[in-house]
Amino acid sequence: MKTASKELQKLRTMAELSLNKTAELQQVLAQIEATLSRTENQKVIQKVNKN
């Protein structure tokens, strides 16, 4: 029984770490998307200002 309990705890820890990594990955992707969006907006503003 102890072995099963330890295995369940191990799996739970792995799942929690996986969720944390997923959340971190989503945050990084959101930051990249925001940066790309700002860069694109800057290009549009510069183009409009030239005309």
C-alpha atoms as a PDB file:
ATOM      1  CA  MET A   1       0.000   0.000   0.000  1.00  0.00           C
ATOM      2  CA  LYS A   2       2.858   2.405   0.791  1.00  0.00           C
ATOM      3  CA  THR A   3       4.315   1.827  -2.650  1.00  0.00           C
ATOM      4  CA  ALA A   4       1.041   2.774  -4.336  1.00  0.00           C
ATOM      5  CA  SER A   5       0.771   5.863  -2.158  1.00  0.00           C
ATOM      6  CA  LYS A   6       4.324   6.911  -3.000  1.00  0.00           C
ATOM      7  CA  GLU A   7       3.678   6.298  -6.698  1.00  0.00           C
ATOM      8  CA  LEU A   8       0.506   8.397  -6.589  1.00  0.00           C
ATOM      9  CA  GLN A   9       2.387  11.206  -4.846  1.00  0.00           C
ATOM     10  CA  LYS A  10       5.131  11.011  -7.483  1.00  0.00           C
ATOM     11  CA  LEU A  11       2.568  11.179 -10.305  1.00  0.00           C
ATOM     12  CA  ARG A  12       0.799  14.086  -8.616  1.00  0.00           C
ATOM     13  CA  THR A  13       4.069  15.997  -8.321  1.00  0.00           C
ATOM     14  CA  MET A  14       4.863  15.330 -11.983  1.00  0.00           C
ATOM     15  CA  ALA A  15       1.406  16.548 -13.005  1.00  0.00           C
ATOM     16  CA  GLU A  16       1.774  19.731 -10.949  1.00  0.00           C
ATOM     17  CA  LEU A  17       5.181  20.449 -12.472  1.00  0.00           C
ATOM     18  CA  SER A  18       3.751  19.841 -15.931  1.00  0.00           C
ATOM     19  CA  LEU A  19       0.928  22.303 -15.282  1.00  0.00           C
ATOM     20  CA  ASN A  20       3.392  24.903 -14.027  1.00  0.00           C
ATOM     21  CA  LYS A  21       5.495  24.499 -17.166  1.00  0.00           C
ATOM     22  CA  THR A  22       2.401  24.796 -19.324  1.00  0.00           C
ATOM     23  CA  ALA A  23       1.395  28.016 -17.564  1.00  0.00           C
ATOM     24  CA  GLU A  24       4.932  29.388 -17.939  1.00  0.00           C
ATOM     25  CA  LEU A  25       4.972  28.442 -21.611  1.00  0.00           C
ATOM     26  CA  GLN A  26       1.639  30.173 -22.194  1.00  0.00           C
ATOM     27  CA  GLN A  27       2.977  33.283 -20.452  1.00  0.00           C
ATOM     28  CA  VAL A  28       6.125  33.324 -22.591  1.00  0.00           C
ATOM     29  CA  LEU A  29       4.095  32.834 -25.770  1.00  0.00           C
ATOM     30  CA  ALA A  30       1.792  35.692 -24.754  1.00  0.00           C
ATOM     31  CA  GLN A  31       4.812  37.940 -24.181  1.00  0.00           C
ATOM     32  CA  ILE A  32       6.225  37.035 -27.593  1.00  0.00           C
ATOM     33  CA  GLU A  33       2.878  37.699 -29.239  1.00  0.00           C
ATOM     34  CA  ALA A  34       2.620  41.081 -27.497  1.00  0.00           C
ATOM     35  CA  THR A  35       6.125  42.021 -28.616  1.00  0.00           C
ATOM     36  CA  LEU A  36       5.379  41.050 -32.215  1.00  0.00           C
ATOM     37  CA  SER A  37       2.138  43.008 -32.103  1.00  0.00           C
ATOM     38  CA  ARG A  38       3.889  46.122 -30.783  1.00  0.00           C
ATOM     39  CA  THR A  39       6.556  45.825 -33.458  1.00  0.00           C
ATOM     40  CA  GLU A  40       3.935  45.480 -36.183  1.00  0.00           C
ATOM     41  CA  ASN A  41       2.019  48.462 -34.810  1.00  0.00           C
ATOM     42  CA  GLN A  42       5.224  50.529 -34.790  1.00  0.00           C
ATOM     43  CA  LYS A  43       5.801  49.682 -38.454  1.00  0.00           C
ATOM     44  CA  VAL A  44       2.243  50.703 -39.346  1.00  0.00           C
ATOM     45  CA  ILE A  45       2.569  53.985 -37.430  1.00  0.00           C
ATOM     46  CA  GLN A  46       5.872  54.769 -39.148  1.00  0.00           C
ATOM     47  CA  LYS A  47       4.374  54.004 -42.546  1.00  0.00           C
ATOM     48  CA  VAL A  48       1.347  56.231 -41.845  1.00  0.00           C
ATOM     49  CA  ASN A  49       3.551  59.057 -40.628  1.00  0.00           C
ATOM     50  CA  LYS A  50       5.675  58.924 -43.804  1.00  0.00           C
ATOM     51  CA  ASN A  51       2.597  59.482 -45.954  1.00  0.00           C
END
